[in-house]
Amino acid sequence: MDHLQAIRVFCRVVETGAFNRAAQSLKMPNATVSKWIRSLETHLGVPLLERSTRRVQVTHEGTAYYERMRQLLAELDDVESTLGRTQANPRGSLRVDTGGSTASGILIPALPEFRERYPDIHVEIGVTDRVVDVIGENIDCAIRSTARDLSLITRRIGKLGWTTCASPAYLARYGTPDHPSELLNGNYPVAGYFSALTRIVQPLHFRDRGQPFQIEPRTSVIVNESNAHLASALAGLGLIHTLDFMVRPAIDRGELIPILEPWRPEPLDVYIAYPPSRQLSAKVRVFVSWITEVYTRYQ
């Protein structure tokens, strides 16, 4: 038995959820896929999958085996991607971690370009607002707004501007503040953003004659997810202070109106971070190069 091939087949069955879909993706007959799985189960002495006419269920042992083998295959792909011809045509799974707004507003809309350029790279996007353990969770790279993790290699890939804005209905009802300090008196409801981890509401950042300052206004509603933050502004619940790319489409459609423009803060630096073990990985290298191109469109 080709043990490595059997493991790859098993992982594809788990990932696709069906023998026939795994066979299609691997370009082999269904019977061959079944043969590889039976051989692997015989070799291990435990059932990995429970078959039925409608679906494939992964056993407890199969789930544990898959998690370990998936990581080992990823590591193997990394090693192979640093050698020979795979440098020009990288392949394998690429795990990328990012926040919700970046995923929906920047990364995913541009991802068809990357898939067209590198069709043999399978992209797995983890979306969360928490700071993940990149090394411990076996993530290839993460898009972040800080470069504080000294255990990772960090590279700045771009900058993102900030915008404060509100809906036309909001401005018709409450008026337009002339200075950020007016947000402190409670006359202009603010839809705030709070950390899901610490529950701390983020302050609003501004700049006056080159000097940064921040305010902590009274909020009418707070949310902990970027799309909900945008929805709060569109519903007229409050003005919001957020990254420009999140609200620019709504501004272009006239659904939101920028305010307090003279006090825009410095743009936010954006970084990509990856473990030192991924430094020579071809798939990470091409992704970093590509995502840097994408971020130049927002500067």
C-alpha atoms as a PDB file:
ATOM      1  CA  MET A   1       0.000   0.000   0.000  1.00  0.00           C
ATOM      2  CA  ASP A   2       1.173   3.510  -0.836  1.00  0.00           C
ATOM      3  CA  HIS A   3       0.622   4.834   2.683  1.00  0.00           C
ATOM      4  CA  LEU A   4       0.998   8.507   1.758  1.00  0.00           C
ATOM      5  CA  GLN A   5      -1.456   8.225  -1.120  1.00  0.00           C
ATOM      6  CA  ALA A   6      -3.968   6.466   1.125  1.00  0.00           C
ATOM      7  CA  ILE A   7      -3.696   9.281   3.660  1.00  0.00           C
ATOM      8  CA  ARG A   8      -4.260  11.922   0.973  1.00  0.00           C
ATOM      9  CA  VAL A   9      -7.330  10.059  -0.279  1.00  0.00           C
ATOM     10  CA  PHE A  10      -8.724   9.747   3.239  1.00  0.00           C
ATOM     11  CA  CYS A  11      -8.254  13.481   3.895  1.00  0.00           C
ATOM     12  CA  ARG A  12     -10.031  14.369   0.656  1.00  0.00           C
ATOM     13  CA  VAL A  13     -12.997  12.153   1.598  1.00  0.00           C
ATOM     14  CA  VAL A  14     -13.256  13.915   4.954  1.00  0.00           C
ATOM     15  CA  GLU A  15     -12.925  17.367   3.391  1.00  0.00           C
ATOM     16  CA  THR A  16     -15.451  16.754   0.614  1.00  0.00           C
ATOM     17  CA  GLY A  17     -17.836  14.678   2.726  1.00  0.00           C
ATOM     18  CA  ALA A  18     -18.394  12.021   0.077  1.00  0.00           C
ATOM     19  CA  PHE A  19     -16.501   9.316  -1.789  1.00  0.00           C
ATOM     20  CA  ASN A  20     -17.702  10.472  -5.203  1.00  0.00           C
ATOM     21  CA  ARG A  21     -16.712  14.102  -4.625  1.00  0.00           C
ATOM     22  CA  ALA A  22     -13.303  13.017  -3.362  1.00  0.00           C
ATOM     23  CA  ALA A  23     -12.893  10.812  -6.432  1.00  0.00           C
ATOM     24  CA  GLN A  24     -13.766  13.705  -8.738  1.00  0.00           C
ATOM     25  CA  SER A  25     -11.291  16.054  -7.068  1.00  0.00           C
ATOM     26  CA  LEU A  26      -8.559  13.403  -7.183  1.00  0.00           C
ATOM     27  CA  LYS A  27      -9.456  12.363 -10.744  1.00  0.00           C
ATOM     28  CA  MET A  28      -9.758   8.662  -9.889  1.00  0.00           C
ATOM     29  CA  PRO A  29     -12.613   6.115  -9.961  1.00  0.00           C
ATOM     30  CA  ASN A  30     -14.909   5.789  -6.932  1.00  0.00           C
ATOM     31  CA  ALA A  31     -13.855   2.164  -6.521  1.00  0.00           C
ATOM     32  CA  THR A  32     -10.211   3.218  -6.239  1.00  0.00           C
ATOM     33  CA  VAL A  33     -11.053   5.696  -3.490  1.00  0.00           C
ATOM     34  CA  SER A  34     -12.919   2.980  -1.575  1.00  0.00           C
ATOM     35  CA  LYS A  35      -9.970   0.625  -2.018  1.00  0.00           C
ATOM     36  CA  TRP A  36      -7.517   3.154  -0.571  1.00  0.00           C
ATOM     37  CA  ILE A  37      -9.756   3.785   2.448  1.00  0.00           C
ATOM     38  CA  ARG A  38     -10.224   0.065   3.153  1.00  0.00           C
ATOM     39  CA  SER A  39      -6.473  -0.483   2.905  1.00  0.00           C
ATOM     40  CA  LEU A  40      -5.777   2.347   5.321  1.00  0.00           C
ATOM     41  CA  GLU A  41      -8.348   1.109   7.826  1.00  0.00           C
ATOM     42  CA  THR A  42      -6.900  -2.391   7.624  1.00  0.00           C
ATOM     43  CA  HIS A  43      -3.408  -1.034   8.178  1.00  0.00           C
ATOM     44  CA  LEU A  44      -4.508   1.013  11.207  1.00  0.00           C
ATOM     45  CA  GLY A  45      -6.868  -1.602  12.599  1.00  0.00           C
ATOM     46  CA  VAL A  46      -9.670   0.898  13.280  1.00  0.00           C
ATOM     47  CA  PRO A  47     -12.653   2.176  11.255  1.00  0.00           C
ATOM     48  CA  LEU A  48     -12.103   5.734  10.054  1.00  0.00           C
ATOM     49  CA  LEU A  49     -15.383   6.271   8.226  1.00  0.00           C
ATOM     50  CA  GLU A  50     -18.957   5.055   8.608  1.00  0.00           C
ATOM     51  CA  ARG A  51     -20.615   4.609   5.205  1.00  0.00           C
ATOM     52  CA  SER A  52     -24.291   4.939   4.362  1.00  0.00           C
ATOM     53  CA  THR A  53     -26.212   5.375   1.146  1.00  0.00           C
ATOM     54  CA  ARG A  54     -26.540   9.130   1.714  1.00  0.00           C
ATOM     55  CA  ARG A  55     -23.456  10.341   3.548  1.00  0.00           C
ATOM     56  CA  VAL A  56     -20.069   9.547   5.016  1.00  0.00           C
ATOM     57  CA  GLN A  57     -19.656   9.983   8.770  1.00  0.00           C
ATOM     58  CA  VAL A  58     -16.173  10.318  10.249  1.00  0.00           C
ATOM     59  CA  THR A  59     -15.602   8.169  13.333  1.00  0.00           C
ATOM     60  CA  HIS A  60     -14.018   9.515  16.509  1.00  0.00           C
ATOM     61  CA  GLU A  61     -10.749   7.804  15.582  1.00  0.00           C
ATOM     62  CA  GLY A  62     -11.069   9.112  12.031  1.00  0.00           C
ATOM     63  CA  THR A  63     -11.495  12.695  13.234  1.00  0.00           C
ATOM     64  CA  ALA A  64      -8.395  12.500  15.419  1.00  0.00           C
ATOM     65  CA  TYR A  65      -6.411  10.852  12.618  1.00  0.00           C
ATOM     66  CA  TYR A  66      -7.535  13.458  10.084  1.00  0.00           C
ATOM     67  CA  GLU A  67      -6.454  16.395  12.264  1.00  0.00           C
ATOM     68  CA  ARG A  68      -2.962  14.964  12.658  1.00  0.00           C
ATOM     69  CA  MET A  69      -2.594  13.889   9.038  1.00  0.00           C
ATOM     70  CA  ARG A  70      -3.874  17.208   7.698  1.00  0.00           C
ATOM     71  CA  GLN A  71      -1.103  19.013   9.543  1.00  0.00           C
ATOM     72  CA  LEU A  72       1.525  16.530   8.384  1.00  0.00           C
ATOM     73  CA  LEU A  73       0.417  16.824   4.753  1.00  0.00           C
ATOM     74  CA  ALA A  74       0.552  20.606   5.018  1.00  0.00           C
ATOM     75  CA  GLU A  75       4.091  20.392   6.354  1.00  0.00           C
ATOM     76  CA  LEU A  76       5.050  17.986   3.559  1.00  0.00           C
ATOM     77  CA  ASP A  77       3.607  20.344   0.940  1.00  0.00           C
ATOM     78  CA  ASP A  78       5.636  23.157   2.490  1.00  0.00           C
ATOM     79  CA  VAL A  79       8.851  21.155   2.190  1.00  0.00           C
ATOM     80  CA  GLU A  80       8.122  20.199  -1.405  1.00  0.00           C
ATOM     81  CA  SER A  81       7.164  23.765  -2.308  1.00  0.00           C
ATOM     82  CA  THR A  82      10.684  24.954  -1.484  1.00  0.00           C
ATOM     83  CA  LEU A  83      12.261  22.564  -3.986  1.00  0.00           C
ATOM     84  CA  GLY A  84      12.591  22.396  -7.737  1.00  0.00           C
ATOM     85  CA  ARG A  85       9.690  23.007 -10.083  1.00  0.00           C
ATOM     86  CA  THR A  86       7.112  23.588  -7.342  1.00  0.00           C
ATOM     87  CA  GLN A  87       8.618  27.047  -6.826  1.00  0.00           C
ATOM     88  CA  ALA A  88       7.052  28.083 -10.141  1.00  0.00           C
ATOM     89  CA  ASN A  89       3.766  26.280  -9.494  1.00  0.00           C
ATOM     90  CA  PRO A  90       3.134  26.141  -5.726  1.00  0.00           C
ATOM     91  CA  ARG A  91       0.483  23.771  -4.472  1.00  0.00           C
ATOM     92  CA  GLY A  92      -1.142  22.549  -1.285  1.00  0.00           C
ATOM     93  CA  SER A  93      -3.367  24.014   1.418  1.00  0.00           C
ATOM     94  CA  LEU A  94      -2.834  27.582   2.607  1.00  0.00           C
ATOM     95  CA  ARG A  95      -4.387  28.579   5.948  1.00  0.00           C
ATOM     96  CA  VAL A  96      -4.915  32.319   6.298  1.00  0.00           C
ATOM     97  CA  ASP A  97      -6.352  34.018   9.381  1.00  0.00           C
ATOM     98  CA  THR A  98      -7.965  37.453   9.273  1.00  0.00           C
ATOM     99  CA  GLY A  99     -10.720  39.597  10.775  1.00  0.00           C
ATOM    100  CA  GLY A 100     -14.273  39.722   9.491  1.00  0.00           C
ATOM    101  CA  SER A 101     -14.106  43.133   7.817  1.00  0.00           C
ATOM    102  CA  THR A 102     -10.869  42.307   6.007  1.00  0.00           C
ATOM    103  CA  ALA A 103     -12.241  38.958   4.872  1.00  0.00           C
ATOM    104  CA  SER A 104     -15.525  40.301   3.477  1.00  0.00           C
ATOM    105  CA  GLY A 105     -14.293  43.692   2.272  1.00  0.00           C
ATOM    106  CA  ILE A 106     -10.816  43.042   0.868  1.00  0.00           C
ATOM    107  CA  LEU A 107      -9.584  39.452   0.804  1.00  0.00           C
ATOM    108  CA  ILE A 108     -12.535  37.447  -0.496  1.00  0.00           C
ATOM    109  CA  PRO A 109     -13.581  39.927  -3.239  1.00  0.00           C
ATOM    110  CA  ALA A 110     -10.037  39.803  -4.630  1.00  0.00           C
ATOM    111  CA  LEU A 111      -9.493  36.061  -4.094  1.00  0.00           C
ATOM    112  CA  PRO A 112     -10.636  34.965  -7.590  1.00  0.00           C
ATOM    113  CA  GLU A 113      -7.482  36.668  -8.921  1.00  0.00           C
ATOM    114  CA  PHE A 114      -5.296  34.575  -6.642  1.00  0.00           C
ATOM    115  CA  ARG A 115      -7.136  31.361  -7.510  1.00  0.00           C
ATOM    116  CA  GLU A 116      -6.760  32.131 -11.204  1.00  0.00           C
ATOM    117  CA  ARG A 117      -3.048  32.723 -10.761  1.00  0.00           C
ATOM    118  CA  TYR A 118      -2.408  29.764  -8.444  1.00  0.00           C
ATOM    119  CA  PRO A 119      -5.118  27.137  -9.058  1.00  0.00           C
ATOM    120  CA  ASP A 120      -3.222  24.395  -7.196  1.00  0.00           C
ATOM    121  CA  ILE A 121      -3.316  26.270  -3.883  1.00  0.00           C
ATOM    122  CA  HIS A 122      -6.327  25.408  -1.739  1.00  0.00           C
ATOM    123  CA  VAL A 123      -7.124  28.467   0.410  1.00  0.00           C
ATOM    124  CA  GLU A 124      -8.624  28.040   3.875  1.00  0.00           C
ATOM    125  CA  ILE A 125      -9.664  31.362   5.444  1.00  0.00           C
ATOM    126  CA  GLY A 126     -10.193  31.539   9.184  1.00  0.00           C
ATOM    127  CA  VAL A 127     -12.317  34.551  10.140  1.00  0.00           C
ATOM    128  CA  THR A 128     -12.149  35.787  13.713  1.00  0.00           C
ATOM    129  CA  ASP A 129     -11.600  39.022  15.600  1.00  0.00           C
ATOM    130  CA  ARG A 130      -9.444  37.323  18.230  1.00  0.00           C
ATOM    131  CA  VAL A 131      -5.655  37.184  17.978  1.00  0.00           C
ATOM    132  CA  VAL A 132      -4.967  33.564  17.127  1.00  0.00           C
ATOM    133  CA  ASP A 133      -1.901  31.527  18.023  1.00  0.00           C
ATOM    134  CA  VAL A 134      -0.453  31.279  14.522  1.00  0.00           C
ATOM    135  CA  ILE A 135       2.194  28.709  15.400  1.00  0.00           C
ATOM    136  CA  GLY A 136       0.111  26.682  17.851  1.00  0.00           C
ATOM    137  CA  GLU A 137      -2.907  26.497  15.537  1.00  0.00           C
ATOM    138  CA  ASN A 138      -0.791  25.612  12.480  1.00  0.00           C
ATOM    139  CA  ILE A 139      -1.772  28.711  10.502  1.00  0.00           C
ATOM    140  CA  ASP A 140       0.376  29.682   7.525  1.00  0.00           C
ATOM    141  CA  CYS A 141      -0.103  33.438   7.789  1.00  0.00           C
ATOM    142  CA  ALA A 142      -2.315  36.052   9.407  1.00  0.00           C
ATOM    143  CA  ILE A 143      -3.340  39.565   8.366  1.00  0.00           C
ATOM    144  CA  ARG A 144      -3.046  41.878  11.372  1.00  0.00           C
ATOM    145  CA  SER A 145      -2.959  45.527  12.407  1.00  0.00           C
ATOM    146  CA  THR A 146       0.002  45.074  14.774  1.00  0.00           C
ATOM    147  CA  ALA A 147       3.528  43.694  14.592  1.00  0.00           C
ATOM    148  CA  ARG A 148       3.965  42.910  18.280  1.00  0.00           C
ATOM    149  CA  ASP A 149       4.357  39.113  18.124  1.00  0.00           C
ATOM    150  CA  LEU A 150       8.134  38.670  18.068  1.00  0.00           C
ATOM    151  CA  SER A 151       7.825  34.918  17.505  1.00  0.00           C
ATOM    152  CA  LEU A 152       6.560  35.614  13.961  1.00  0.00           C
ATOM    153  CA  ILE A 153       8.051  37.178  10.862  1.00  0.00           C
ATOM    154  CA  THR A 154       6.005  40.310  10.209  1.00  0.00           C
ATOM    155  CA  ARG A 155       5.890  42.428   7.063  1.00  0.00           C
ATOM    156  CA  ARG A 156       3.895  45.602   6.445  1.00  0.00           C
ATOM    157  CA  ILE A 157       1.695  45.151   3.378  1.00  0.00           C
ATOM    158  CA  GLY A 158      -0.193  48.446   3.273  1.00  0.00           C
ATOM    159  CA  LYS A 159      -2.200  51.161   4.985  1.00  0.00           C
ATOM    160  CA  LEU A 160      -5.951  51.651   5.423  1.00  0.00           C
ATOM    161  CA  GLY A 161      -7.618  55.018   5.926  1.00  0.00           C
ATOM    162  CA  TRP A 162     -10.292  55.873   8.491  1.00  0.00           C
ATOM    163  CA  THR A 163     -13.664  57.531   7.950  1.00  0.00           C
ATOM    164  CA  THR A 164     -16.329  58.889  10.271  1.00  0.00           C
ATOM    165  CA  CYS A 165     -19.754  58.843   8.690  1.00  0.00           C
ATOM    166  CA  ALA A 166     -23.506  58.730   9.267  1.00  0.00           C
ATOM    167  CA  SER A 167     -26.688  58.147   7.304  1.00  0.00           C
ATOM    168  CA  PRO A 168     -28.570  61.063   5.687  1.00  0.00           C
ATOM    169  CA  ALA A 169     -31.534  60.363   7.998  1.00  0.00           C
ATOM    170  CA  TYR A 170     -29.245  60.561  11.039  1.00  0.00           C
ATOM    171  CA  LEU A 171     -27.778  63.891   9.932  1.00  0.00           C
ATOM    172  CA  ALA A 172     -31.234  65.281   9.176  1.00  0.00           C
ATOM    173  CA  ARG A 173     -32.348  64.385  12.694  1.00  0.00           C
ATOM    174  CA  TYR A 174     -29.282  65.268  14.767  1.00  0.00           C
ATOM    175  CA  GLY A 175     -27.294  67.620  12.551  1.00  0.00           C
ATOM    176  CA  THR A 176     -23.599  67.460  11.710  1.00  0.00           C
ATOM    177  CA  PRO A 177     -20.930  67.931  14.404  1.00  0.00           C
ATOM    178  CA  ASP A 178     -18.285  70.538  13.623  1.00  0.00           C
ATOM    179  CA  HIS A 179     -15.567  69.034  15.829  1.00  0.00           C
ATOM    180  CA  PRO A 180     -14.925  65.553  17.325  1.00  0.00           C
ATOM    181  CA  SER A 181     -15.210  66.990  20.846  1.00  0.00           C
ATOM    182  CA  GLU A 182     -18.937  67.558  20.237  1.00  0.00           C
ATOM    183  CA  LEU A 183     -19.416  63.790  20.309  1.00  0.00           C
ATOM    184  CA  LEU A 184     -18.781  63.876  24.057  1.00  0.00           C
ATOM    185  CA  ASN A 185     -21.971  65.729  24.993  1.00  0.00           C
ATOM    186  CA  GLY A 186     -24.357  62.958  23.960  1.00  0.00           C
ATOM    187  CA  ASN A 187     -26.175  65.083  21.377  1.00  0.00           C
ATOM    188  CA  TYR A 188     -24.779  62.966  18.548  1.00  0.00           C
ATOM    189  CA  PRO A 189     -25.459  59.234  19.111  1.00  0.00           C
ATOM    190  CA  VAL A 190     -22.465  57.029  18.332  1.00  0.00           C
ATOM    191  CA  ALA A 191     -22.606  53.365  17.365  1.00  0.00           C
ATOM    192  CA  GLY A 192     -19.535  51.961  19.081  1.00  0.00           C
ATOM    193  CA  TYR A 193     -17.388  48.906  18.486  1.00  0.00           C
ATOM    194  CA  PHE A 194     -16.278  46.733  21.397  1.00  0.00           C
ATOM    195  CA  SER A 195     -13.800  43.898  21.681  1.00  0.00           C
ATOM    196  CA  ALA A 196     -15.427  40.490  21.914  1.00  0.00           C
ATOM    197  CA  LEU A 197     -12.515  39.383  24.099  1.00  0.00           C
ATOM    198  CA  THR A 198     -12.185  42.306  26.546  1.00  0.00           C
ATOM    199  CA  ARG A 199     -15.586  43.999  26.003  1.00  0.00           C
ATOM    200  CA  ILE A 200     -13.735  47.334  25.936  1.00  0.00           C
ATOM    201  CA  VAL A 201     -15.324  49.899  23.600  1.00  0.00           C
ATOM    202  CA  GLN A 202     -12.767  51.253  21.157  1.00  0.00           C
ATOM    203  CA  PRO A 203     -12.109  55.005  21.392  1.00  0.00           C
ATOM    204  CA  LEU A 204     -12.413  57.203  18.304  1.00  0.00           C
ATOM    205  CA  HIS A 205      -9.106  58.417  16.883  1.00  0.00           C
ATOM    206  CA  PHE A 206      -8.604  61.804  15.258  1.00  0.00           C
ATOM    207  CA  ARG A 207      -5.822  64.246  14.384  1.00  0.00           C
ATOM    208  CA  ASP A 208      -5.618  68.014  14.940  1.00  0.00           C
ATOM    209  CA  ARG A 209      -2.821  69.987  13.232  1.00  0.00           C
ATOM    210  CA  GLY A 210      -0.750  66.812  12.956  1.00  0.00           C
ATOM    211  CA  GLN A 211      -1.263  65.733  16.566  1.00  0.00           C
ATOM    212  CA  PRO A 212      -3.265  62.562  17.262  1.00  0.00           C
ATOM    213  CA  PHE A 213      -5.955  62.536  19.924  1.00  0.00           C
ATOM    214  CA  GLN A 214      -8.786  60.235  20.900  1.00  0.00           C
ATOM    215  CA  ILE A 215     -12.180  60.569  22.520  1.00  0.00           C
ATOM    216  CA  GLU A 216     -14.451  58.118  24.301  1.00  0.00           C
ATOM    217  CA  PRO A 217     -17.960  59.264  23.439  1.00  0.00           C
ATOM    218  CA  ARG A 218     -21.244  58.135  24.927  1.00  0.00           C
ATOM    219  CA  THR A 219     -22.624  55.367  22.731  1.00  0.00           C
ATOM    220  CA  SER A 220     -26.216  54.636  21.769  1.00  0.00           C
ATOM    221  CA  VAL A 221     -25.459  51.041  20.750  1.00  0.00           C
ATOM    222  CA  ILE A 222     -22.320  48.919  20.663  1.00  0.00           C
ATOM    223  CA  VAL A 223     -21.490  45.879  18.535  1.00  0.00           C
ATOM    224  CA  ASN A 224     -18.527  43.522  18.295  1.00  0.00           C
ATOM    225  CA  GLU A 225     -18.603  42.643  14.589  1.00  0.00           C
ATOM    226  CA  SER A 226     -17.679  44.849  11.643  1.00  0.00           C
ATOM    227  CA  ASN A 227     -20.658  44.102   9.388  1.00  0.00           C
ATOM    228  CA  ALA A 228     -23.021  44.793  12.296  1.00  0.00           C
ATOM    229  CA  HIS A 229     -21.163  48.068  12.871  1.00  0.00           C
ATOM    230  CA  LEU A 230     -21.843  49.099   9.285  1.00  0.00           C
ATOM    231  CA  ALA A 231     -25.489  48.021   9.578  1.00  0.00           C
ATOM    232  CA  SER A 232     -25.853  50.212  12.667  1.00  0.00           C
ATOM    233  CA  ALA A 233     -24.837  53.269  10.680  1.00  0.00           C
ATOM    234  CA  LEU A 234     -27.078  52.379   7.742  1.00  0.00           C
ATOM    235  CA  ALA A 235     -30.021  52.000  10.131  1.00  0.00           C
ATOM    236  CA  GLY A 236     -29.382  55.462  11.581  1.00  0.00           C
ATOM    237  CA  LEU A 237     -28.617  54.114  15.058  1.00  0.00           C
ATOM    238  CA  GLY A 238     -25.517  56.250  15.314  1.00  0.00           C
ATOM    239  CA  LEU A 239     -22.545  57.668  13.481  1.00  0.00           C
ATOM    240  CA  ILE A 240     -19.584  55.307  13.168  1.00  0.00           C
ATOM    241  CA  HIS A 241     -15.820  55.664  13.002  1.00  0.00           C
ATOM    242  CA  THR A 242     -14.331  52.811  10.994  1.00  0.00           C
ATOM    243  CA  LEU A 243     -11.944  51.851   8.220  1.00  0.00           C
ATOM    244  CA  ASP A 244     -12.787  53.567   4.965  1.00  0.00           C
ATOM    245  CA  PHE A 245     -12.977  50.426   2.816  1.00  0.00           C
ATOM    246  CA  MET A 246     -15.843  49.169   4.961  1.00  0.00           C
ATOM    247  CA  VAL A 247     -18.083  52.158   4.265  1.00  0.00           C
ATOM    248  CA  ARG A 248     -16.824  53.465   0.907  1.00  0.00           C
ATOM    249  CA  PRO A 249     -19.365  51.470  -1.190  1.00  0.00           C
ATOM    250  CA  ALA A 250     -22.232  52.827   0.946  1.00  0.00           C
ATOM    251  CA  ILE A 251     -20.775  56.348   0.668  1.00  0.00           C
ATOM    252  CA  ASP A 252     -20.571  56.033  -3.114  1.00  0.00           C
ATOM    253  CA  ARG A 253     -24.235  54.969  -3.158  1.00  0.00           C
ATOM    254  CA  GLY A 254     -25.241  57.942  -1.000  1.00  0.00           C
ATOM    255  CA  GLU A 255     -26.332  55.725   1.898  1.00  0.00           C
ATOM    256  CA  LEU A 256     -23.701  57.203   4.217  1.00  0.00           C
ATOM    257  CA  ILE A 257     -22.092  60.646   4.316  1.00  0.00           C
ATOM    258  CA  PRO A 258     -18.537  61.347   5.571  1.00  0.00           C
ATOM    259  CA  ILE A 259     -18.222  63.850   8.417  1.00  0.00           C
ATOM    260  CA  LEU A 260     -15.372  65.356  10.454  1.00  0.00           C
ATOM    261  CA  GLU A 261     -13.057  64.964   7.474  1.00  0.00           C
ATOM    262  CA  PRO A 262     -10.471  67.595   8.585  1.00  0.00           C
ATOM    263  CA  TRP A 263      -9.724  65.475  11.660  1.00  0.00           C
ATOM    264  CA  ARG A 264      -9.030  62.146   9.938  1.00  0.00           C
ATOM    265  CA  PRO A 265      -6.338  60.190  11.843  1.00  0.00           C
ATOM    266  CA  GLU A 266      -3.240  58.627  10.335  1.00  0.00           C
ATOM    267  CA  PRO A 267      -4.003  55.518   8.270  1.00  0.00           C
ATOM    268  CA  LEU A 268      -3.784  52.129   9.958  1.00  0.00           C
ATOM    269  CA  ASP A 269      -0.718  50.035   9.146  1.00  0.00           C
ATOM    270  CA  VAL A 270      -1.569  46.489   8.049  1.00  0.00           C
ATOM    271  CA  TYR A 271       0.819  43.562   8.381  1.00  0.00           C
ATOM    272  CA  ILE A 272       1.054  39.945   7.384  1.00  0.00           C
ATOM    273  CA  ALA A 273       2.656  37.614   9.904  1.00  0.00           C
ATOM    274  CA  TYR A 274       3.859  34.047   9.477  1.00  0.00           C
ATOM    275  CA  PRO A 275       5.969  31.525  11.423  1.00  0.00           C
ATOM    276  CA  PRO A 276       9.695  31.333  10.683  1.00  0.00           C
ATOM    277  CA  SER A 277       9.091  27.758   9.481  1.00  0.00           C
ATOM    278  CA  ARG A 278       6.994  29.158   6.610  1.00  0.00           C
ATOM    279  CA  GLN A 279       9.658  31.628   5.455  1.00  0.00           C
ATOM    280  CA  LEU A 280      10.757  29.476   2.520  1.00  0.00           C
ATOM    281  CA  SER A 281       7.267  28.214   1.666  1.00  0.00           C
ATOM    282  CA  ALA A 282       6.453  29.015  -1.957  1.00  0.00           C
ATOM    283  CA  LYS A 283       2.706  29.196  -1.325  1.00  0.00           C
ATOM    284  CA  VAL A 284       3.205  31.683   1.522  1.00  0.00           C
ATOM    285  CA  ARG A 285       5.663  33.687  -0.545  1.00  0.00           C
ATOM    286  CA  VAL A 286       3.293  34.079  -3.495  1.00  0.00           C
ATOM    287  CA  PHE A 287       0.365  34.901  -1.196  1.00  0.00           C
ATOM    288  CA  VAL A 288       2.335  37.623   0.590  1.00  0.00           C
ATOM    289  CA  SER A 289       3.355  39.117  -2.748  1.00  0.00           C
ATOM    290  CA  TRP A 290      -0.219  39.004  -4.050  1.00  0.00           C
ATOM    291  CA  ILE A 291      -1.930  40.421  -0.953  1.00  0.00           C
ATOM    292  CA  THR A 292       0.591  43.275  -0.943  1.00  0.00           C
ATOM    293  CA  GLU A 293      -0.557  44.105  -4.487  1.00  0.00           C
ATOM    294  CA  VAL A 294      -4.170  44.064  -3.302  1.00  0.00           C
ATOM    295  CA  TYR A 295      -3.519  46.499  -0.465  1.00  0.00           C
ATOM    296  CA  THR A 296      -1.870  49.033  -2.785  1.00  0.00           C
ATOM    297  CA  ARG A 297      -5.362  49.632  -4.221  1.00  0.00           C
ATOM    298  CA  TYR A 298      -6.490  51.108  -0.887  1.00  0.00           C
ATOM    299  CA  GLN A 299      -3.684  53.675  -0.544  1.00  0.00           C
END
